[in-house]
N, C-alpha and C. Protein backbone atom coordinates (compact mmCIF):
# COMPACT_ATOMS: atom_id res chain seq x y z
N UNK A 1 26.43 -31.58 -18.17
CA UNK A 1 25.02 -31.40 -17.90
C UNK A 1 24.83 -30.43 -16.75
N UNK A 2 25.63 -30.60 -15.70
CA UNK A 2 25.49 -29.71 -14.55
C UNK A 2 25.83 -28.28 -14.92
N UNK A 3 26.81 -28.06 -15.77
CA UNK A 3 27.18 -26.70 -16.16
C UNK A 3 26.06 -26.04 -16.96
N UNK A 4 25.33 -26.83 -17.76
CA UNK A 4 24.19 -26.27 -18.50
C UNK A 4 23.11 -25.83 -17.53
N UNK A 5 22.76 -26.66 -16.56
CA UNK A 5 21.75 -26.31 -15.57
C UNK A 5 22.17 -25.09 -14.76
N UNK A 6 23.46 -25.07 -14.39
CA UNK A 6 23.96 -23.94 -13.62
C UNK A 6 23.88 -22.67 -14.45
N UNK A 7 24.28 -22.73 -15.71
CA UNK A 7 24.25 -21.52 -16.53
C UNK A 7 22.81 -21.09 -16.80
N UNK A 8 21.90 -22.05 -16.96
CA UNK A 8 20.49 -21.69 -17.13
C UNK A 8 19.97 -21.02 -15.87
N UNK A 9 20.37 -21.56 -14.73
CA UNK A 9 19.96 -20.97 -13.46
C UNK A 9 20.51 -19.57 -13.28
N UNK A 10 21.78 -19.39 -13.67
CA UNK A 10 22.37 -18.06 -13.56
C UNK A 10 21.72 -17.08 -14.52
N UNK A 11 21.39 -17.55 -15.72
CA UNK A 11 20.69 -16.69 -16.68
C UNK A 11 19.33 -16.29 -16.12
N UNK A 12 18.63 -17.23 -15.52
CA UNK A 12 17.33 -16.94 -14.91
C UNK A 12 17.49 -15.93 -13.78
N UNK A 13 18.56 -16.07 -13.01
CA UNK A 13 18.80 -15.13 -11.91
C UNK A 13 19.18 -13.74 -12.44
N UNK A 14 19.96 -13.71 -13.51
CA UNK A 14 20.31 -12.42 -14.14
C UNK A 14 19.05 -11.72 -14.64
N UNK A 15 18.17 -12.48 -15.28
CA UNK A 15 16.91 -11.90 -15.78
C UNK A 15 16.05 -11.43 -14.62
N UNK A 16 16.02 -12.20 -13.56
CA UNK A 16 15.23 -11.83 -12.38
C UNK A 16 15.78 -10.55 -11.75
N UNK A 17 17.09 -10.47 -11.66
CA UNK A 17 17.72 -9.26 -11.12
C UNK A 17 17.35 -8.04 -11.96
N UNK A 18 17.41 -8.21 -13.26
CA UNK A 18 17.09 -7.09 -14.15
C UNK A 18 15.62 -6.68 -13.99
N UNK A 19 14.73 -7.66 -13.88
CA UNK A 19 13.31 -7.34 -13.67
C UNK A 19 13.11 -6.56 -12.38
N UNK A 20 13.80 -6.99 -11.34
CA UNK A 20 13.70 -6.30 -10.05
C UNK A 20 14.22 -4.87 -10.14
N UNK A 21 15.34 -4.70 -10.82
CA UNK A 21 15.91 -3.37 -10.98
C UNK A 21 15.03 -2.47 -11.84
N UNK A 22 14.35 -3.08 -12.82
CA UNK A 22 13.46 -2.31 -13.70
C UNK A 22 12.10 -2.05 -13.06
N UNK A 23 11.84 -2.72 -11.95
CA UNK A 23 10.56 -2.54 -11.26
C UNK A 23 9.41 -3.30 -11.88
N UNK A 24 9.72 -4.40 -12.58
CA UNK A 24 8.68 -5.22 -13.20
C UNK A 24 8.84 -6.70 -12.81
N UNK A 25 8.78 -6.99 -11.53
CA UNK A 25 8.96 -8.38 -11.11
C UNK A 25 7.76 -9.24 -11.45
N UNK A 26 7.98 -10.54 -11.46
CA UNK A 26 6.90 -11.50 -11.70
C UNK A 26 6.23 -11.87 -10.38
N UNK A 27 7.02 -12.02 -9.33
CA UNK A 27 6.51 -12.40 -8.01
C UNK A 27 5.82 -11.19 -7.37
N UNK A 28 4.58 -11.37 -6.98
CA UNK A 28 3.80 -10.24 -6.46
C UNK A 28 4.41 -9.64 -5.19
N UNK A 29 5.08 -10.44 -4.39
CA UNK A 29 5.71 -9.93 -3.17
C UNK A 29 6.80 -8.90 -3.47
N UNK A 30 7.32 -8.94 -4.68
CA UNK A 30 8.45 -8.08 -5.03
C UNK A 30 8.02 -6.79 -5.73
N UNK A 31 6.72 -6.60 -5.91
CA UNK A 31 6.24 -5.36 -6.53
C UNK A 31 6.57 -4.21 -5.58
N UNK A 32 7.08 -3.13 -6.14
CA UNK A 32 7.48 -1.93 -5.38
C UNK A 32 8.55 -2.25 -4.34
N UNK A 33 9.42 -3.21 -4.66
CA UNK A 33 10.50 -3.58 -3.76
C UNK A 33 11.51 -2.43 -3.70
N UNK A 34 11.90 -2.06 -2.50
CA UNK A 34 12.95 -1.07 -2.31
C UNK A 34 14.28 -1.75 -2.64
N UNK A 35 14.98 -1.22 -3.63
CA UNK A 35 16.23 -1.85 -4.09
C UNK A 35 17.26 -1.89 -2.97
N UNK A 36 17.17 -0.99 -2.01
CA UNK A 36 18.11 -1.04 -0.89
C UNK A 36 17.89 -2.28 -0.03
N UNK A 37 16.78 -2.99 -0.24
CA UNK A 37 16.47 -4.22 0.51
C UNK A 37 16.75 -5.47 -0.34
N UNK A 38 17.31 -5.31 -1.52
CA UNK A 38 17.56 -6.41 -2.44
C UNK A 38 18.57 -7.40 -1.85
N UNK A 39 18.25 -8.69 -1.94
CA UNK A 39 19.15 -9.74 -1.44
C UNK A 39 19.23 -10.86 -2.47
N UNK A 40 20.19 -11.73 -2.26
CA UNK A 40 20.35 -12.89 -3.14
C UNK A 40 19.12 -13.80 -3.05
N UNK A 41 18.55 -13.91 -1.87
CA UNK A 41 17.38 -14.78 -1.73
C UNK A 41 16.19 -14.23 -2.49
N UNK A 42 16.04 -12.91 -2.53
CA UNK A 42 14.95 -12.31 -3.30
C UNK A 42 15.15 -12.58 -4.79
N UNK A 43 16.37 -12.41 -5.26
CA UNK A 43 16.67 -12.67 -6.68
C UNK A 43 16.43 -14.14 -7.00
N UNK A 44 16.88 -15.04 -6.14
CA UNK A 44 16.67 -16.48 -6.35
C UNK A 44 15.19 -16.80 -6.45
N UNK A 45 14.40 -16.25 -5.52
CA UNK A 45 12.97 -16.52 -5.49
C UNK A 45 12.29 -15.94 -6.73
N UNK A 46 12.70 -14.75 -7.13
CA UNK A 46 12.14 -14.11 -8.34
C UNK A 46 12.47 -14.95 -9.58
N UNK A 47 13.62 -15.62 -9.56
CA UNK A 47 14.04 -16.45 -10.70
C UNK A 47 13.32 -17.79 -10.72
N UNK A 48 12.58 -18.11 -9.67
CA UNK A 48 11.84 -19.36 -9.63
C UNK A 48 12.52 -20.45 -8.84
N UNK A 49 13.57 -20.10 -8.12
CA UNK A 49 14.29 -21.07 -7.31
C UNK A 49 13.96 -20.86 -5.84
N UNK A 50 14.48 -21.77 -4.99
CA UNK A 50 14.28 -21.54 -3.56
C UNK A 50 15.21 -20.39 -3.15
N UNK A 51 14.94 -19.85 -1.97
CA UNK A 51 15.65 -18.65 -1.53
C UNK A 51 17.15 -18.88 -1.32
N UNK A 52 17.58 -20.09 -1.21
CA UNK A 52 18.99 -20.37 -0.96
C UNK A 52 19.76 -20.78 -2.20
N UNK A 53 19.22 -20.53 -3.39
CA UNK A 53 19.87 -20.98 -4.62
C UNK A 53 21.24 -20.32 -4.81
N UNK A 54 21.29 -19.01 -4.70
CA UNK A 54 22.56 -18.30 -4.90
C UNK A 54 23.39 -18.39 -3.62
N UNK A 55 24.64 -18.86 -3.78
CA UNK A 55 25.51 -19.05 -2.61
C UNK A 55 26.89 -18.44 -2.86
N UNK A 56 27.47 -17.89 -1.81
CA UNK A 56 28.78 -17.26 -1.90
C UNK A 56 29.89 -18.27 -2.18
N UNK A 57 29.70 -19.51 -1.76
CA UNK A 57 30.77 -20.50 -1.93
C UNK A 57 30.79 -21.13 -3.32
N UNK A 58 29.88 -20.73 -4.20
CA UNK A 58 29.89 -21.20 -5.60
C UNK A 58 30.51 -20.12 -6.47
N UNK A 59 31.65 -20.44 -7.06
CA UNK A 59 32.40 -19.44 -7.84
C UNK A 59 31.57 -18.82 -8.96
N UNK A 60 30.75 -19.64 -9.61
CA UNK A 60 29.98 -19.12 -10.73
C UNK A 60 28.88 -18.14 -10.26
N UNK A 61 28.56 -18.13 -8.97
CA UNK A 61 27.53 -17.23 -8.45
C UNK A 61 28.10 -15.89 -7.99
N UNK A 62 29.41 -15.81 -7.84
CA UNK A 62 30.02 -14.60 -7.31
C UNK A 62 29.72 -13.35 -8.16
N UNK A 63 29.75 -13.42 -9.50
CA UNK A 63 29.47 -12.19 -10.26
C UNK A 63 28.06 -11.63 -10.02
N UNK A 64 27.07 -12.49 -10.00
CA UNK A 64 25.71 -11.99 -9.79
C UNK A 64 25.53 -11.51 -8.34
N UNK A 65 26.19 -12.18 -7.41
CA UNK A 65 26.13 -11.72 -6.02
C UNK A 65 26.76 -10.34 -5.89
N UNK A 66 27.83 -10.10 -6.63
CA UNK A 66 28.47 -8.78 -6.63
C UNK A 66 27.53 -7.73 -7.22
N UNK A 67 26.80 -8.09 -8.29
CA UNK A 67 25.84 -7.15 -8.89
C UNK A 67 24.72 -6.82 -7.91
N UNK A 68 24.26 -7.82 -7.21
CA UNK A 68 23.19 -7.61 -6.22
C UNK A 68 23.68 -6.66 -5.13
N UNK A 69 24.88 -6.92 -4.62
CA UNK A 69 25.42 -6.06 -3.56
C UNK A 69 25.67 -4.65 -4.07
N UNK A 70 26.16 -4.54 -5.30
CA UNK A 70 26.41 -3.21 -5.87
C UNK A 70 25.10 -2.45 -6.06
N UNK A 71 24.09 -3.13 -6.52
CA UNK A 71 22.78 -2.48 -6.71
C UNK A 71 22.21 -2.01 -5.38
N UNK A 72 22.31 -2.87 -4.37
CA UNK A 72 21.80 -2.51 -3.04
C UNK A 72 22.59 -1.34 -2.47
N UNK A 73 23.92 -1.38 -2.63
CA UNK A 73 24.76 -0.30 -2.10
C UNK A 73 24.47 1.01 -2.81
N UNK A 74 24.30 0.96 -4.12
CA UNK A 74 23.99 2.17 -4.87
C UNK A 74 22.65 2.76 -4.44
N UNK A 75 21.69 1.90 -4.19
CA UNK A 75 20.38 2.38 -3.75
C UNK A 75 20.46 3.00 -2.36
N UNK A 76 21.31 2.43 -1.50
CA UNK A 76 21.47 2.98 -0.16
C UNK A 76 22.19 4.32 -0.17
N UNK A 77 23.11 4.51 -1.13
CA UNK A 77 23.88 5.74 -1.20
C UNK A 77 23.15 6.84 -1.95
N UNK A 78 22.17 6.49 -2.74
CA UNK A 78 21.49 7.47 -3.58
C UNK A 78 20.39 8.19 -2.79
N UNK A 79 20.67 9.41 -2.31
CA UNK A 79 19.65 10.11 -1.54
C UNK A 79 18.47 10.52 -2.41
N UNK A 80 18.73 10.82 -3.66
CA UNK A 80 17.63 11.24 -4.54
C UNK A 80 16.66 10.08 -4.77
N UNK A 81 17.21 8.88 -4.85
CA UNK A 81 16.36 7.72 -5.05
C UNK A 81 15.48 7.47 -3.84
N UNK A 82 16.09 7.50 -2.66
CA UNK A 82 15.30 7.26 -1.46
C UNK A 82 14.36 8.43 -1.20
N UNK A 83 14.79 9.64 -1.52
CA UNK A 83 13.90 10.79 -1.36
C UNK A 83 12.72 10.72 -2.30
N UNK A 84 12.97 10.31 -3.54
CA UNK A 84 11.86 10.22 -4.50
C UNK A 84 10.90 9.12 -4.08
N UNK A 85 11.41 8.02 -3.54
CA UNK A 85 10.54 6.96 -3.05
C UNK A 85 9.74 7.44 -1.85
N UNK A 86 10.39 8.21 -0.98
CA UNK A 86 9.70 8.76 0.18
C UNK A 86 8.61 9.73 -0.28
N UNK A 87 8.92 10.55 -1.25
CA UNK A 87 7.93 11.50 -1.79
C UNK A 87 6.76 10.74 -2.40
N UNK A 88 7.06 9.72 -3.19
CA UNK A 88 6.00 8.91 -3.79
C UNK A 88 5.12 8.27 -2.71
N UNK A 89 5.76 7.75 -1.69
CA UNK A 89 5.02 7.12 -0.60
C UNK A 89 4.13 8.14 0.11
N UNK A 90 4.68 9.31 0.37
CA UNK A 90 3.90 10.36 1.05
C UNK A 90 2.76 10.86 0.16
N UNK A 91 3.02 10.94 -1.14
CA UNK A 91 1.95 11.36 -2.05
C UNK A 91 0.82 10.33 -2.09
N UNK A 92 1.18 9.05 -2.05
CA UNK A 92 0.16 7.99 -1.99
C UNK A 92 -0.65 8.11 -0.70
N UNK A 93 0.05 8.34 0.41
CA UNK A 93 -0.65 8.49 1.69
C UNK A 93 -1.56 9.71 1.67
N UNK A 94 -1.09 10.80 1.07
CA UNK A 94 -1.90 12.02 0.98
C UNK A 94 -3.15 11.78 0.14
N UNK A 95 -2.99 11.10 -1.00
CA UNK A 95 -4.15 10.81 -1.84
C UNK A 95 -5.16 9.94 -1.10
N UNK A 96 -4.66 8.96 -0.35
CA UNK A 96 -5.55 8.09 0.44
C UNK A 96 -6.26 8.90 1.52
N UNK A 97 -5.52 9.79 2.17
CA UNK A 97 -6.12 10.62 3.23
C UNK A 97 -7.17 11.55 2.64
N UNK A 98 -6.91 12.10 1.46
CA UNK A 98 -7.89 12.98 0.82
C UNK A 98 -9.18 12.22 0.47
N UNK A 99 -9.03 10.98 0.01
CA UNK A 99 -10.21 10.16 -0.28
C UNK A 99 -11.00 9.89 1.00
N UNK A 100 -10.26 9.55 2.07
CA UNK A 100 -10.92 9.30 3.36
C UNK A 100 -11.64 10.55 3.85
N UNK A 101 -11.01 11.71 3.68
CA UNK A 101 -11.61 12.97 4.11
C UNK A 101 -12.90 13.24 3.34
N UNK A 102 -12.88 12.99 2.04
CA UNK A 102 -14.08 13.20 1.23
C UNK A 102 -15.22 12.29 1.70
N UNK A 103 -14.91 11.06 2.02
CA UNK A 103 -15.92 10.11 2.51
C UNK A 103 -16.48 10.60 3.85
N UNK A 104 -15.59 11.04 4.73
CA UNK A 104 -16.01 11.50 6.05
C UNK A 104 -16.89 12.75 5.92
N UNK A 105 -16.55 13.64 4.99
CA UNK A 105 -17.38 14.84 4.78
C UNK A 105 -18.78 14.48 4.32
N UNK A 106 -18.88 13.52 3.42
CA UNK A 106 -20.20 13.07 2.95
C UNK A 106 -20.99 12.48 4.12
N UNK A 107 -20.33 11.66 4.92
CA UNK A 107 -21.00 11.07 6.08
C UNK A 107 -21.43 12.14 7.08
N UNK A 108 -20.58 13.15 7.28
CA UNK A 108 -20.92 14.25 8.18
C UNK A 108 -22.16 14.99 7.69
N UNK A 109 -22.20 15.28 6.40
CA UNK A 109 -23.36 15.95 5.82
C UNK A 109 -24.63 15.13 6.02
N UNK A 110 -24.53 13.83 5.84
CA UNK A 110 -25.70 12.95 6.03
C UNK A 110 -26.17 12.97 7.48
N UNK A 111 -25.24 12.90 8.40
CA UNK A 111 -25.60 12.89 9.83
C UNK A 111 -26.21 14.24 10.22
N UNK A 112 -25.63 15.33 9.75
CA UNK A 112 -26.19 16.64 10.05
C UNK A 112 -27.60 16.78 9.48
N UNK A 113 -27.81 16.31 8.28
CA UNK A 113 -29.14 16.35 7.68
C UNK A 113 -30.14 15.55 8.51
N UNK A 114 -29.73 14.35 8.91
CA UNK A 114 -30.60 13.52 9.74
C UNK A 114 -30.91 14.20 11.08
N UNK A 115 -29.89 14.83 11.68
CA UNK A 115 -30.10 15.52 12.95
C UNK A 115 -31.08 16.68 12.79
N UNK A 116 -30.95 17.43 11.71
CA UNK A 116 -31.89 18.53 11.47
C UNK A 116 -33.31 18.02 11.27
N UNK A 117 -33.43 16.93 10.54
CA UNK A 117 -34.76 16.34 10.33
C UNK A 117 -35.35 15.86 11.65
N UNK A 118 -34.55 15.23 12.49
CA UNK A 118 -35.02 14.77 13.79
C UNK A 118 -35.41 15.95 14.68
N UNK A 119 -34.61 17.00 14.67
CA UNK A 119 -34.91 18.18 15.46
C UNK A 119 -36.23 18.80 15.02
N UNK A 120 -36.43 18.88 13.73
CA UNK A 120 -37.68 19.42 13.20
C UNK A 120 -38.86 18.54 13.60
N UNK A 121 -38.71 17.25 13.55
CA UNK A 121 -39.79 16.33 13.93
C UNK A 121 -40.11 16.46 15.43
N UNK A 122 -39.09 16.59 16.27
CA UNK A 122 -39.30 16.78 17.70
C UNK A 122 -40.05 18.08 17.94
N UNK A 123 -39.68 19.14 17.24
CA UNK A 123 -40.38 20.42 17.36
C UNK A 123 -41.86 20.27 17.00
N UNK A 124 -42.12 19.55 15.91
CA UNK A 124 -43.51 19.33 15.48
C UNK A 124 -44.29 18.55 16.54
N UNK A 125 -43.67 17.51 17.09
CA UNK A 125 -44.33 16.70 18.11
C UNK A 125 -44.57 17.51 19.39
N UNK A 126 -43.60 18.33 19.78
CA UNK A 126 -43.79 19.16 20.97
C UNK A 126 -44.94 20.15 20.76
N UNK A 127 -44.99 20.73 19.56
CA UNK A 127 -46.08 21.68 19.24
C UNK A 127 -47.42 20.96 19.28
N UNK A 128 -47.49 19.77 18.71
CA UNK A 128 -48.73 19.01 18.71
C UNK A 128 -49.13 18.64 20.14
N UNK A 129 -48.18 18.29 20.96
CA UNK A 129 -48.47 17.95 22.36
C UNK A 129 -49.02 19.15 23.09
N UNK A 130 -48.42 20.33 22.88
CA UNK A 130 -48.91 21.54 23.52
C UNK A 130 -50.35 21.84 23.09
N UNK A 131 -50.61 21.65 21.79
CA UNK A 131 -51.96 21.91 21.28
C UNK A 131 -52.96 20.93 21.89
N UNK A 132 -52.57 19.67 22.05
CA UNK A 132 -53.44 18.66 22.67
C UNK A 132 -53.72 19.03 24.13
N UNK A 133 -52.71 19.50 24.85
CA UNK A 133 -52.89 19.89 26.24
C UNK A 133 -53.85 21.07 26.34
N UNK A 134 -53.66 22.05 25.43
CA UNK A 134 -54.55 23.22 25.43
C UNK A 134 -55.98 22.80 25.14
N UNK A 135 -56.15 21.91 24.18
CA UNK A 135 -57.49 21.44 23.81
C UNK A 135 -58.15 20.68 24.96
N UNK A 136 -57.37 19.82 25.63
CA UNK A 136 -57.89 19.08 26.77
C UNK A 136 -58.26 20.03 27.92
N UNK A 137 -57.44 21.05 28.11
CA UNK A 137 -57.72 22.03 29.16
C UNK A 137 -59.00 22.80 28.90
N UNK A 138 -59.28 23.13 27.66
CA UNK A 138 -60.48 23.85 27.29
C UNK A 138 -61.71 22.97 27.44
N UNK A 139 -61.55 21.70 27.11
CA UNK A 139 -62.68 20.79 27.18
C UNK A 139 -63.09 20.53 28.63
N UNK A 140 -62.17 20.55 29.56
CA UNK A 140 -62.47 20.31 30.97
C UNK A 140 -63.23 21.48 31.57
N UNK A 141 -63.03 22.66 31.04
CA UNK A 141 -63.69 23.83 31.62
C UNK A 141 -65.10 23.88 31.24
């Protein structure tokens, strides 16, 4: 019975590892996970177990632990992989910055328009005040 549970657990962990490597995890925390950060606890958690499920002292866990370490090592050694992730990250930041810039430009245009309207209204009020002063001055004479 225990060997069946263990093998089911290992199968679940193998499937979880594959999902993580394919970039389609079930656990939301693992979305866009950098494979160079992959650990046994992440695979265990993705498989639906607690983070300490996979252990080095269990012989049946050694093959999957080796796959996890190999995947992490390959990701760390692959400069193109990390460069492409860096490029993707920078492109996301650039797109976000461009959206922010567009919003700020719209806000700037609105503020400038309001300032021009206020300036025009102040000019009108100053002109009206001058005309009132002139009229009052004429009436006193």
